Amino acid sequence: MPNRPLGKWVHKQREEMKKRLQRENTSMSSCRLLALSKIGFQITTCKRADALWQMRYEELLQFFHKNGHPNVPQLYRENKALGKWYHRQKYEMKKKIDGKPSYLTEYRFQALRNVSC
């Protein structure tokens, strides 16, 4: 039998995480966002590529909270994949800012901007 209260709670967390990433009013604190990220909580249930992007984003949040900045070195020893991913995101953000085609969705763009601020 499905656990309805848990399902409702998960749905609410996803809604609040999306609001926070879009800089809307929300009850989602930084601490709760980090705690959910640490346990691998995904904002969306989506395709593998989207899930991988979300996983790297959550790793970026952890790096940010640990180091006080989001600037992951491209050759980051602790997580080489994160370093490469982060630099690709910066490149895609610059393209989007310059009005050039970018694969970043508006949601991803805003999520990355929120970490940079």
PDB file of N, CA and C in Angstrom:
ATOM      1  N   MET A   1       0.849  -1.188   0.000  1.00  0.00           N
ATOM      2  CA  MET A   1       0.000   0.000   0.000  1.00  0.00           C
ATOM      3  C   MET A   1       0.893   1.249   0.000  1.00  0.00           C
ATOM      4  N   PRO A   2       0.632   2.199  -0.895  1.00  0.00           N
ATOM      5  CA  PRO A   2       1.433   3.415  -0.983  1.00  0.00           C
ATOM      6  C   PRO A   2       1.342   4.254   0.297  1.00  0.00           C
ATOM      7  N   ASN A   3       2.386   4.992   0.566  1.00  0.00           N
ATOM      8  CA  ASN A   3       2.438   5.867   1.731  1.00  0.00           C
ATOM      9  C   ASN A   3       2.048   7.280   1.287  1.00  0.00           C
ATOM     10  N   ARG A   4       0.760   7.601   1.370  1.00  0.00           N
ATOM     11  CA  ARG A   4       0.262   8.899   0.910  1.00  0.00           C
ATOM     12  C   ARG A   4       0.901  10.093   1.609  1.00  0.00           C
ATOM     13  N   PRO A   5       1.023  10.089   2.932  1.00  0.00           N
ATOM     14  CA  PRO A   5       1.638  11.241   3.597  1.00  0.00           C
ATOM     15  C   PRO A   5       3.068  11.496   3.111  1.00  0.00           C
ATOM     16  N   LEU A   6       3.825  10.420   2.896  1.00  0.00           N
ATOM     17  CA  LEU A   6       5.185  10.581   2.393  1.00  0.00           C
ATOM     18  C   LEU A   6       5.162  11.157   0.978  1.00  0.00           C
ATOM     19  N   GLY A   7       4.285  10.674   0.153  1.00  0.00           N
ATOM     20  CA  GLY A   7       4.158  11.182  -1.211  1.00  0.00           C
ATOM     21  C   GLY A   7       3.818  12.666  -1.238  1.00  0.00           C
ATOM     22  N   LYS A   8       2.904  13.069  -0.368  1.00  0.00           N
ATOM     23  CA  LYS A   8       2.531  14.484  -0.287  1.00  0.00           C
ATOM     24  C   LYS A   8       3.707  15.326   0.189  1.00  0.00           C
ATOM     25  N   TRP A   9       4.461  14.803   1.167  1.00  0.00           N
ATOM     26  CA  TRP A   9       5.624  15.520   1.686  1.00  0.00           C
ATOM     27  C   TRP A   9       6.684  15.690   0.596  1.00  0.00           C
ATOM     28  N   VAL A  10       6.950  14.616  -0.157  1.00  0.00           N
ATOM     29  CA  VAL A  10       7.939  14.677  -1.245  1.00  0.00           C
ATOM     30  C   VAL A  10       7.500  15.705  -2.274  1.00  0.00           C
ATOM     31  N   HIS A  11       6.236  15.685  -2.639  1.00  0.00           N
ATOM     32  CA  HIS A  11       5.706  16.655  -3.608  1.00  0.00           C
ATOM     33  C   HIS A  11       5.899  18.084  -3.104  1.00  0.00           C
ATOM     34  N   LYS A  12       5.603  18.317  -1.845  1.00  0.00           N
ATOM     35  CA  LYS A  12       5.747  19.651  -1.242  1.00  0.00           C
ATOM     36  C   LYS A  12       7.212  20.094  -1.251  1.00  0.00           C
ATOM     37  N   GLN A  13       8.136  19.171  -0.932  1.00  0.00           N
ATOM     38  CA  GLN A  13       9.562  19.525  -0.933  1.00  0.00           C
ATOM     39  C   GLN A  13      10.013  19.927  -2.333  1.00  0.00           C
ATOM     40  N   ARG A  14       9.559  19.196  -3.331  1.00  0.00           N
ATOM     41  CA  ARG A  14       9.921  19.526  -4.716  1.00  0.00           C
ATOM     42  C   ARG A  14       9.385  20.896  -5.110  1.00  0.00           C
ATOM     43  N   GLU A  15       8.156  21.184  -4.730  1.00  0.00           N
ATOM     44  CA  GLU A  15       7.581  22.503  -5.027  1.00  0.00           C
ATOM     45  C   GLU A  15       8.397  23.612  -4.372  1.00  0.00           C
ATOM     46  N   GLU A  16       8.757  23.429  -3.106  1.00  0.00           N
ATOM     47  CA  GLU A  16       9.494  24.448  -2.369  1.00  0.00           C
ATOM     48  C   GLU A  16      10.922  24.606  -2.895  1.00  0.00           C
ATOM     49  N   MET A  17      11.547  23.501  -3.304  1.00  0.00           N
ATOM     50  CA  MET A  17      12.890  23.581  -3.876  1.00  0.00           C
ATOM     51  C   MET A  17      12.855  24.368  -5.187  1.00  0.00           C
ATOM     52  N   LYS A  18      11.863  24.104  -6.010  1.00  0.00           N
ATOM     53  CA  LYS A  18      11.749  24.828  -7.278  1.00  0.00           C
ATOM     54  C   LYS A  18      11.535  26.321  -7.019  1.00  0.00           C
ATOM     55  N   LYS A  19      10.687  26.648  -6.064  1.00  0.00           N
ATOM     56  CA  LYS A  19      10.453  28.057  -5.731  1.00  0.00           C
ATOM     57  C   LYS A  19      11.750  28.727  -5.294  1.00  0.00           C
ATOM     58  N   ARG A  20      12.489  28.051  -4.431  1.00  0.00           N
ATOM     59  CA  ARG A  20      13.745  28.623  -3.923  1.00  0.00           C
ATOM     60  C   ARG A  20      14.730  28.864  -5.066  1.00  0.00           C
ATOM     61  N   LEU A  21      14.846  27.898  -5.960  1.00  0.00           N
ATOM     62  CA  LEU A  21      15.771  28.037  -7.079  1.00  0.00           C
ATOM     63  C   LEU A  21      15.342  29.137  -8.039  1.00  0.00           C
ATOM     64  N   GLN A  22      14.059  29.449  -8.064  1.00  0.00           N
ATOM     65  CA  GLN A  22      13.548  30.514  -8.917  1.00  0.00           C
ATOM     66  C   GLN A  22      13.403  31.836  -8.159  1.00  0.00           C
ATOM     67  N   ARG A  23      13.943  31.863  -6.932  1.00  0.00           N
ATOM     68  CA  ARG A  23      13.939  33.049  -6.075  1.00  0.00           C
ATOM     69  C   ARG A  23      12.537  33.554  -5.745  1.00  0.00           C
ATOM     70  N   GLU A  24      11.625  32.637  -5.581  1.00  0.00           N
ATOM     71  CA  GLU A  24      10.272  32.974  -5.159  1.00  0.00           C
ATOM     72  C   GLU A  24      10.185  32.800  -3.648  1.00  0.00           C
ATOM     73  N   ASN A  25       9.148  33.346  -3.043  1.00  0.00           N
ATOM     74  CA  ASN A  25       8.947  33.151  -1.604  1.00  0.00           C
ATOM     75  C   ASN A  25       8.718  31.674  -1.317  1.00  0.00           C
ATOM     76  N   THR A  26       9.422  31.180  -0.299  1.00  0.00           N
ATOM     77  CA  THR A  26       9.332  29.764   0.038  1.00  0.00           C
ATOM     78  C   THR A  26       9.717  29.538   1.493  1.00  0.00           C
ATOM     79  N   SER A  27       9.287  28.419   2.022  1.00  0.00           N
ATOM     80  CA  SER A  27       9.681  28.039   3.380  1.00  0.00           C
ATOM     81  C   SER A  27      10.957  27.201   3.361  1.00  0.00           C
ATOM     82  N   MET A  28      11.519  26.954   2.190  1.00  0.00           N
ATOM     83  CA  MET A  28      12.719  26.120   2.050  1.00  0.00           C
ATOM     84  C   MET A  28      13.959  26.905   2.465  1.00  0.00           C
ATOM     85  N   SER A  29      14.549  26.516   3.581  1.00  0.00           N
ATOM     86  CA  SER A  29      15.767  27.166   4.059  1.00  0.00           C
ATOM     87  C   SER A  29      16.995  26.569   3.364  1.00  0.00           C
ATOM     88  N   SER A  30      18.119  27.265   3.439  1.00  0.00           N
ATOM     89  CA  SER A  30      19.377  26.750   2.881  1.00  0.00           C
ATOM     90  C   SER A  30      19.763  25.440   3.540  1.00  0.00           C
ATOM     91  N   CYS A  31      19.549  25.375   4.850  1.00  0.00           N
ATOM     92  CA  CYS A  31      19.897  24.149   5.591  1.00  0.00           C
ATOM     93  C   CYS A  31      19.073  22.960   5.109  1.00  0.00           C
ATOM     94  N   ARG A  32      17.787  23.184   4.895  1.00  0.00           N
ATOM     95  CA  ARG A  32      16.927  22.083   4.446  1.00  0.00           C
ATOM     96  C   ARG A  32      17.284  21.685   3.013  1.00  0.00           C
ATOM     97  N   LEU A  33      17.575  22.683   2.170  1.00  0.00           N
ATOM     98  CA  LEU A  33      17.968  22.389   0.794  1.00  0.00           C
ATOM     99  C   LEU A  33      19.242  21.551   0.789  1.00  0.00           C
ATOM    100  N   LEU A  34      20.215  21.918   1.603  1.00  0.00           N
ATOM    101  CA  LEU A  34      21.460  21.165   1.684  1.00  0.00           C
ATOM    102  C   LEU A  34      21.211  19.756   2.230  1.00  0.00           C
ATOM    103  N   ALA A  35      20.392  19.654   3.266  1.00  0.00           N
ATOM    104  CA  ALA A  35      20.093  18.339   3.852  1.00  0.00           C
ATOM    105  C   ALA A  35      19.438  17.423   2.818  1.00  0.00           C
ATOM    106  N   LEU A  36      18.502  17.952   2.055  1.00  0.00           N
ATOM    107  CA  LEU A  36      17.843  17.144   1.025  1.00  0.00           C
ATOM    108  C   LEU A  36      18.838  16.757  -0.064  1.00  0.00           C
ATOM    109  N   SER A  37      19.715  17.691  -0.427  1.00  0.00           N
ATOM    110  CA  SER A  37      20.727  17.405  -1.442  1.00  0.00           C
ATOM    111  C   SER A  37      21.671  16.305  -0.984  1.00  0.00           C
ATOM    112  N   LYS A  38      22.051  16.339   0.294  1.00  0.00           N
ATOM    113  CA  LYS A  38      22.980  15.341   0.834  1.00  0.00           C
ATOM    114  C   LYS A  38      22.425  13.927   0.767  1.00  0.00           C
ATOM    115  N   ILE A  39      21.125  13.787   0.848  1.00  0.00           N
ATOM    116  CA  ILE A  39      20.539  12.439   0.782  1.00  0.00           C
ATOM    117  C   ILE A  39      20.158  12.051  -0.648  1.00  0.00           C
ATOM    118  N   GLY A  40      20.514  12.911  -1.612  1.00  0.00           N
ATOM    119  CA  GLY A  40      20.249  12.592  -3.011  1.00  0.00           C
ATOM    120  C   GLY A  40      18.835  12.892  -3.465  1.00  0.00           C
ATOM    121  N   PHE A  41      18.134  13.731  -2.737  1.00  0.00           N
ATOM    122  CA  PHE A  41      16.758  14.092  -3.090  1.00  0.00           C
ATOM    123  C   PHE A  41      16.753  14.804  -4.436  1.00  0.00           C
ATOM    124  N   GLN A  42      15.938  14.343  -5.353  1.00  0.00           N
ATOM    125  CA  GLN A  42      15.856  14.946  -6.679  1.00  0.00           C
ATOM    126  C   GLN A  42      14.634  15.834  -6.778  1.00  0.00           C
ATOM    127  N   ILE A  43      14.833  17.001  -7.384  1.00  0.00           N
ATOM    128  CA  ILE A  43      13.731  17.936  -7.551  1.00  0.00           C
ATOM    129  C   ILE A  43      12.697  17.363  -8.507  1.00  0.00           C
ATOM    130  N   THR A  44      13.167  16.735  -9.550  1.00  0.00           N
ATOM    131  CA  THR A  44      12.236  16.205 -10.544  1.00  0.00           C
ATOM    132  C   THR A  44      12.457  14.714 -10.731  1.00  0.00           C
ATOM    133  N   THR A  45      11.436  14.065 -11.191  1.00  0.00           N
ATOM    134  CA  THR A  45      11.580  12.680 -11.618  1.00  0.00           C
ATOM    135  C   THR A  45      11.671  12.765 -13.131  1.00  0.00           C
ATOM    136  N   CYS A  46      12.826  12.451 -13.674  1.00  0.00           N
ATOM    137  CA  CYS A  46      13.059  12.740 -15.078  1.00  0.00           C
ATOM    138  C   CYS A  46      13.985  11.723 -15.719  1.00  0.00           C
ATOM    139  N   LYS A  47      14.361  12.024 -16.929  1.00  0.00           N
ATOM    140  CA  LYS A  47      15.244  11.161 -17.690  1.00  0.00           C
ATOM    141  C   LYS A  47      16.628  11.107 -17.051  1.00  0.00           C
ATOM    142  N   ARG A  48      17.410  10.154 -17.492  1.00  0.00           N
ATOM    143  CA  ARG A  48      18.745   9.948 -16.930  1.00  0.00           C
ATOM    144  C   ARG A  48      19.617  11.193 -17.047  1.00  0.00           C
ATOM    145  N   ALA A  49      19.630  11.855 -18.196  1.00  0.00           N
ATOM    146  CA  ALA A  49      20.457  13.053 -18.378  1.00  0.00           C
ATOM    147  C   ALA A  49      20.041  14.155 -17.406  1.00  0.00           C
ATOM    148  N   ASP A  50      18.751  14.307 -17.218  1.00  0.00           N
ATOM    149  CA  ASP A  50      18.268  15.311 -16.271  1.00  0.00           C
ATOM    150  C   ASP A  50      18.651  14.936 -14.847  1.00  0.00           C
ATOM    151  N   ALA A  51      18.566  13.662 -14.540  1.00  0.00           N
ATOM    152  CA  ALA A  51      18.942  13.201 -13.201  1.00  0.00           C
ATOM    153  C   ALA A  51      20.434  13.417 -12.968  1.00  0.00           C
ATOM    154  N   LEU A  52      21.252  13.196 -13.996  1.00  0.00           N
ATOM    155  CA  LEU A  52      22.691  13.419 -13.871  1.00  0.00           C
ATOM    156  C   LEU A  52      22.982  14.906 -13.660  1.00  0.00           C
ATOM    157  N   TRP A  53      22.287  15.774 -14.402  1.00  0.00           N
ATOM    158  CA  TRP A  53      22.481  17.214 -14.212  1.00  0.00           C
ATOM    159  C   TRP A  53      22.124  17.593 -12.775  1.00  0.00           C
ATOM    160  N   GLN A  54      21.027  17.074 -12.295  1.00  0.00           N
ATOM    161  CA  GLN A  54      20.586  17.383 -10.937  1.00  0.00           C
ATOM    162  C   GLN A  54      21.596  16.871  -9.908  1.00  0.00           C
ATOM    163  N   MET A  55      22.158  15.697 -10.137  1.00  0.00           N
ATOM    164  CA  MET A  55      23.150  15.151  -9.221  1.00  0.00           C
ATOM    165  C   MET A  55      24.385  16.053  -9.176  1.00  0.00           C
ATOM    166  N   ARG A  56      24.870  16.508 -10.330  1.00  0.00           N
ATOM    167  CA  ARG A  56      26.028  17.411 -10.369  1.00  0.00           C
ATOM    168  C   ARG A  56      25.687  18.741  -9.694  1.00  0.00           C
ATOM    169  N   TYR A  57      24.477  19.215  -9.901  1.00  0.00           N
ATOM    170  CA  TYR A  57      24.069  20.468  -9.271  1.00  0.00           C
ATOM    171  C   TYR A  57      24.093  20.321  -7.745  1.00  0.00           C
ATOM    172  N   GLU A  58      23.627  19.210  -7.267  1.00  0.00           N
ATOM    173  CA  GLU A  58      23.630  18.975  -5.821  1.00  0.00           C
ATOM    174  C   GLU A  58      25.062  18.864  -5.294  1.00  0.00           C
ATOM    175  N   GLU A  59      25.955  18.276  -6.085  1.00  0.00           N
ATOM    176  CA  GLU A  59      27.376  18.242  -5.705  1.00  0.00           C
ATOM    177  C   GLU A  59      27.950  19.656  -5.669  1.00  0.00           C
ATOM    178  N   LEU A  60      27.513  20.494  -6.608  1.00  0.00           N
ATOM    179  CA  LEU A  60      27.946  21.893  -6.615  1.00  0.00           C
ATOM    180  C   LEU A  60      27.475  22.599  -5.349  1.00  0.00           C
ATOM    181  N   LEU A  61      26.235  22.349  -4.942  1.00  0.00           N
ATOM    182  CA  LEU A  61      25.731  22.946  -3.703  1.00  0.00           C
ATOM    183  C   LEU A  61      26.577  22.511  -2.506  1.00  0.00           C
ATOM    184  N   GLN A  62      26.935  21.257  -2.470  1.00  0.00           N
ATOM    185  CA  GLN A  62      27.770  20.766  -1.374  1.00  0.00           C
ATOM    186  C   GLN A  62      29.143  21.434  -1.400  1.00  0.00           C
ATOM    187  N   PHE A  63      29.724  21.576  -2.583  1.00  0.00           N
ATOM    188  CA  PHE A  63      31.015  22.254  -2.721  1.00  0.00           C
ATOM    189  C   PHE A  63      30.892  23.694  -2.233  1.00  0.00           C
ATOM    190  N   PHE A  64      29.823  24.358  -2.636  1.00  0.00           N
ATOM    191  CA  PHE A  64      29.581  25.745  -2.241  1.00  0.00           C
ATOM    192  C   PHE A  64      29.492  25.883  -0.720  1.00  0.00           C
ATOM    193  N   HIS A  65      28.735  25.017  -0.092  1.00  0.00           N
ATOM    194  CA  HIS A  65      28.563  25.107   1.358  1.00  0.00           C
ATOM    195  C   HIS A  65      29.855  24.758   2.102  1.00  0.00           C
ATOM    196  N   LYS A  66      30.652  23.892   1.523  1.00  0.00           N
ATOM    197  CA  LYS A  66      31.924  23.513   2.144  1.00  0.00           C
ATOM    198  C   LYS A  66      32.982  24.608   1.982  1.00  0.00           C
ATOM    199  N   ASN A  67      33.010  25.255   0.797  1.00  0.00           N
ATOM    200  CA  ASN A  67      34.084  26.181   0.461  1.00  0.00           C
ATOM    201  C   ASN A  67      33.689  27.657   0.473  1.00  0.00           C
ATOM    202  N   GLY A  68      32.382  27.948   0.527  1.00  0.00           N
ATOM    203  CA  GLY A  68      31.926  29.331   0.561  1.00  0.00           C
ATOM    204  C   GLY A  68      31.877  30.006  -0.795  1.00  0.00           C
ATOM    205  N   HIS A  69      32.146  29.261  -1.847  1.00  0.00           N
ATOM    206  CA  HIS A  69      32.070  29.781  -3.218  1.00  0.00           C
ATOM    207  C   HIS A  69      31.788  28.607  -4.158  1.00  0.00           C
ATOM    208  N   PRO A  70      31.270  28.908  -5.360  1.00  0.00           N
ATOM    209  CA  PRO A  70      30.925  27.816  -6.272  1.00  0.00           C
ATOM    210  C   PRO A  70      32.005  27.507  -7.316  1.00  0.00           C
ATOM    211  N   ASN A  71      33.160  28.138  -7.229  1.00  0.00           N
ATOM    212  CA  ASN A  71      34.173  28.041  -8.281  1.00  0.00           C
ATOM    213  C   ASN A  71      34.978  26.741  -8.187  1.00  0.00           C
ATOM    214  N   VAL A  72      34.408  25.679  -8.706  1.00  0.00           N
ATOM    215  CA  VAL A  72      35.052  24.375  -8.693  1.00  0.00           C
ATOM    216  C   VAL A  72      36.193  24.401  -9.712  1.00  0.00           C
ATOM    217  N   PRO A  73      37.413  24.041  -9.289  1.00  0.00           N
ATOM    218  CA  PRO A  73      38.512  23.985 -10.259  1.00  0.00           C
ATOM    219  C   PRO A  73      38.204  22.969 -11.361  1.00  0.00           C
ATOM    220  N   GLN A  74      38.619  23.287 -12.569  1.00  0.00           N
ATOM    221  CA  GLN A  74      38.335  22.383 -13.676  1.00  0.00           C
ATOM    222  C   GLN A  74      38.992  21.020 -13.451  1.00  0.00           C
ATOM    223  N   LEU A  75      40.151  21.000 -12.825  1.00  0.00           N
ATOM    224  CA  LEU A  75      40.838  19.742 -12.526  1.00  0.00           C
ATOM    225  C   LEU A  75      40.734  19.437 -11.034  1.00  0.00           C
ATOM    226  N   TYR A  76      39.520  19.456 -10.533  1.00  0.00           N
ATOM    227  CA  TYR A  76      39.246  19.249  -9.113  1.00  0.00           C
ATOM    228  C   TYR A  76      39.516  17.794  -8.743  1.00  0.00           C
ATOM    229  N   ARG A  77      40.531  17.563  -7.941  1.00  0.00           N
ATOM    230  CA  ARG A  77      40.957  16.198  -7.607  1.00  0.00           C
ATOM    231  C   ARG A  77      39.871  15.379  -6.931  1.00  0.00           C
ATOM    232  N   GLU A  78      39.127  16.003  -6.024  1.00  0.00           N
ATOM    233  CA  GLU A  78      38.121  15.263  -5.261  1.00  0.00           C
ATOM    234  C   GLU A  78      36.946  14.792  -6.111  1.00  0.00           C
ATOM    235  N   ASN A  79      36.669  15.507  -7.209  1.00  0.00           N
ATOM    236  CA  ASN A  79      35.532  15.151  -8.053  1.00  0.00           C
ATOM    237  C   ASN A  79      35.776  15.721  -9.442  1.00  0.00           C
ATOM    238  N   LYS A  80      36.527  14.991 -10.262  1.00  0.00           N
ATOM    239  CA  LYS A  80      36.895  15.466 -11.601  1.00  0.00           C
ATOM    240  C   LYS A  80      35.671  15.746 -12.464  1.00  0.00           C
ATOM    241  N   ALA A  81      34.653  14.896 -12.339  1.00  0.00           N
ATOM    242  CA  ALA A  81      33.442  15.077 -13.142  1.00  0.00           C
ATOM    243  C   ALA A  81      32.747  16.393 -12.788  1.00  0.00           C
ATOM    244  N   LEU A  82      32.750  16.766 -11.505  1.00  0.00           N
ATOM    245  CA  LEU A  82      32.133  18.020 -11.087  1.00  0.00           C
ATOM    246  C   LEU A  82      32.888  19.202 -11.668  1.00  0.00           C
ATOM    247  N   GLY A  83      34.217  19.144 -11.647  1.00  0.00           N
ATOM    248  CA  GLY A  83      35.018  20.229 -12.203  1.00  0.00           C
ATOM    249  C   GLY A  83      34.723  20.455 -13.681  1.00  0.00           C
ATOM    250  N   LYS A  84      34.691  19.383 -14.443  1.00  0.00           N
ATOM    251  CA  LYS A  84      34.386  19.481 -15.885  1.00  0.00           C
ATOM    252  C   LYS A  84      32.962  19.993 -16.096  1.00  0.00           C
ATOM    253  N   TRP A  85      32.037  19.443 -15.335  1.00  0.00           N
ATOM    254  CA  TRP A  85      30.622  19.845 -15.452  1.00  0.00           C
ATOM    255  C   TRP A  85      30.452  21.319 -15.137  1.00  0.00           C
ATOM    256  N   TYR A  86      31.064  21.773 -14.045  1.00  0.00           N
ATOM    257  CA  TYR A  86      30.918  23.170 -13.629  1.00  0.00           C
ATOM    258  C   TYR A  86      31.413  24.117 -14.717  1.00  0.00           C
ATOM    259  N   HIS A  87      32.549  23.819 -15.306  1.00  0.00           N
ATOM    260  CA  HIS A  87      33.088  24.705 -16.337  1.00  0.00           C
ATOM    261  C   HIS A  87      32.224  24.691 -17.597  1.00  0.00           C
ATOM    262  N   ARG A  88      31.608  23.574 -17.892  1.00  0.00           N
ATOM    263  CA  ARG A  88      30.678  23.515 -19.023  1.00  0.00           C
ATOM    264  C   ARG A  88      29.439  24.373 -18.731  1.00  0.00           C
ATOM    265  N   GLN A  89      28.973  24.339 -17.492  1.00  0.00           N
ATOM    266  CA  GLN A  89      27.805  25.141 -17.119  1.00  0.00           C
ATOM    267  C   GLN A  89      28.116  26.629 -17.235  1.00  0.00           C
ATOM    268  N   LYS A  90      29.318  27.027 -16.790  1.00  0.00           N
ATOM    269  CA  LYS A  90      29.722  28.434 -16.899  1.00  0.00           C
ATOM    270  C   LYS A  90      29.742  28.869 -18.364  1.00  0.00           C
ATOM    271  N   TYR A  91      30.256  28.014 -19.234  1.00  0.00           N
ATOM    272  CA  TYR A  91      30.296  28.290 -20.669  1.00  0.00           C
ATOM    273  C   TYR A  91      28.879  28.447 -21.231  1.00  0.00           C
ATOM    274  N   GLU A  92      27.999  27.535 -20.844  1.00  0.00           N
ATOM    275  CA  GLU A  92      26.611  27.602 -21.318  1.00  0.00           C
ATOM    276  C   GLU A  92      25.889  28.832 -20.764  1.00  0.00           C
ATOM    277  N   MET A  93      26.190  29.199 -19.528  1.00  0.00           N
ATOM    278  CA  MET A  93      25.568  30.402 -18.944  1.00  0.00           C
ATOM    279  C   MET A  93      26.004  31.649 -19.713  1.00  0.00           C
ATOM    280  N   LYS A  94      27.291  31.731 -20.028  1.00  0.00           N
ATOM    281  CA  LYS A  94      27.799  32.889 -20.772  1.00  0.00           C
ATOM    282  C   LYS A  94      27.110  32.984 -22.132  1.00  0.00           C
ATOM    283  N   LYS A  95      26.949  31.847 -22.814  1.00  0.00           N
ATOM    284  CA  LYS A  95      26.251  31.848 -24.106  1.00  0.00           C
ATOM    285  C   LYS A  95      24.830  32.382 -23.930  1.00  0.00           C
ATOM    286  N   LYS A  96      24.150  31.923 -22.908  1.00  0.00           N
ATOM    287  CA  LYS A  96      22.763  32.352 -22.672  1.00  0.00           C
ATOM    288  C   LYS A  96      22.706  33.854 -22.375  1.00  0.00           C
ATOM    289  N   ILE A  97      23.630  34.334 -21.554  1.00  0.00           N
ATOM    290  CA  ILE A  97      23.680  35.762 -21.223  1.00  0.00           C
ATOM    291  C   ILE A  97      23.950  36.599 -22.478  1.00  0.00           C
ATOM    292  N   ASP A  98      24.810  36.077 -23.344  1.00  0.00           N
ATOM    293  CA  ASP A  98      25.152  36.781 -24.592  1.00  0.00           C
ATOM    294  C   ASP A  98      24.080  36.634 -25.668  1.00  0.00           C
ATOM    295  N   GLY A  99      22.985  35.939 -25.345  1.00  0.00           N
ATOM    296  CA  GLY A  99      21.890  35.776 -26.297  1.00  0.00           C
ATOM    297  C   GLY A  99      22.143  34.713 -27.342  1.00  0.00           C
ATOM    298  N   LYS A 100      23.122  33.861 -27.123  1.00  0.00           N
ATOM    299  CA  LYS A 100      23.436  32.781 -28.059  1.00  0.00           C
ATOM    300  C   LYS A 100      22.691  31.517 -27.642  1.00  0.00           C
ATOM    301  N   PRO A 101      22.502  30.589 -28.572  1.00  0.00           N
ATOM    302  CA  PRO A 101      21.824  29.341 -28.227  1.00  0.00           C
ATOM    303  C   PRO A 101      22.591  28.570 -27.145  1.00  0.00           C
ATOM    304  N   SER A 102      21.856  28.039 -26.194  1.00  0.00           N
ATOM    305  CA  SER A 102      22.432  27.270 -25.097  1.00  0.00           C
ATOM    306  C   SER A 102      21.460  26.164 -24.733  1.00  0.00           C
ATOM    307  N   TYR A 103      21.994  25.034 -24.299  1.00  0.00           N
ATOM    308  CA  TYR A 103      21.107  23.943 -23.899  1.00  0.00           C
ATOM    309  C   TYR A 103      20.516  24.167 -22.510  1.00  0.00           C
ATOM    310  N   LEU A 104      20.999  25.179 -21.777  1.00  0.00           N
ATOM    311  CA  LEU A 104      20.467  25.429 -20.435  1.00  0.00           C
ATOM    312  C   LEU A 104      19.013  25.872 -20.500  1.00  0.00           C
ATOM    313  N   THR A 105      18.181  25.193 -19.763  1.00  0.00           N
ATOM    314  CA  THR A 105      16.801  25.647 -19.636  1.00  0.00           C
ATOM    315  C   THR A 105      16.792  26.855 -18.700  1.00  0.00           C
ATOM    316  N   GLU A 106      15.708  27.575 -18.681  1.00  0.00           N
ATOM    317  CA  GLU A 106      15.603  28.725 -17.777  1.00  0.00           C
ATOM    318  C   GLU A 106      15.705  28.268 -16.323  1.00  0.00           C
ATOM    319  N   TYR A 107      15.145  27.143 -16.016  1.00  0.00           N
ATOM    320  CA  TYR A 107      15.227  26.603 -14.664  1.00  0.00           C
ATOM    321  C   TYR A 107      16.684  26.356 -14.272  1.00  0.00           C
ATOM    322  N   ARG A 108      17.439  25.687 -15.150  1.00  0.00           N
ATOM    323  CA  ARG A 108      18.846  25.402 -14.848  1.00  0.00           C
ATOM    324  C   ARG A 108      19.660  26.692 -14.748  1.00  0.00           C
ATOM    325  N   PHE A 109      19.399  27.599 -15.654  1.00  0.00           N
ATOM    326  CA  PHE A 109      20.109  28.884 -15.644  1.00  0.00           C
ATOM    327  C   PHE A 109      19.896  29.593 -14.305  1.00  0.00           C
ATOM    328  N   GLN A 110      18.647  29.677 -13.867  1.00  0.00           N
ATOM    329  CA  GLN A 110      18.339  30.335 -12.598  1.00  0.00           C
ATOM    330  C   GLN A 110      18.940  29.584 -11.410  1.00  0.00           C
ATOM    331  N   ALA A 111      18.900  28.260 -11.461  1.00  0.00           N
ATOM    332  CA  ALA A 111      19.475  27.465 -10.375  1.00  0.00           C
ATOM    333  C   ALA A 111      20.964  27.752 -10.239  1.00  0.00           C
ATOM    334  N   LEU A 112      21.664  27.809 -11.363  1.00  0.00           N
ATOM    335  CA  LEU A 112      23.104  28.093 -11.331  1.00  0.00           C
ATOM    336  C   LEU A 112      23.370  29.527 -10.873  1.00  0.00           C
ATOM    337  N   ARG A 113      22.547  30.456 -11.305  1.00  0.00           N
ATOM    338  CA  ARG A 113      22.716  31.851 -10.861  1.00  0.00           C
ATOM    339  C   ARG A 113      22.524  31.978  -9.364  1.00  0.00           C
ATOM    340  N   ASN A 114      21.605  31.213  -8.824  1.00  0.00           N
ATOM    341  CA  ASN A 114      21.359  31.272  -7.376  1.00  0.00           C
ATOM    342  C   ASN A 114      22.567  30.820  -6.567  1.00  0.00           C
ATOM    343  N   VAL A 115      23.326  29.888  -7.093  1.00  0.00           N
ATOM    344  CA  VAL A 115      24.532  29.430  -6.396  1.00  0.00           C
ATOM    345  C   VAL A 115      25.628  30.478  -6.518  1.00  0.00           C
ATOM    346  N   SER A 116      25.668  31.184  -7.629  1.00  0.00           N
ATOM    347  CA  SER A 116      26.721  32.168  -7.865  1.00  0.00           C
ATOM    348  C   SER A 116      26.550  33.415  -7.020  1.00  0.00           C
ATOM    349  N   CYS A 117      25.345  33.685  -6.564  1.00  0.00           N
ATOM    350  CA  CYS A 117      25.088  34.927  -5.832  1.00  0.00           C
ATOM    351  C   CYS A 117      25.359  34.788  -4.352  1.00  0.00           C
TER     352      CYS A 117
END
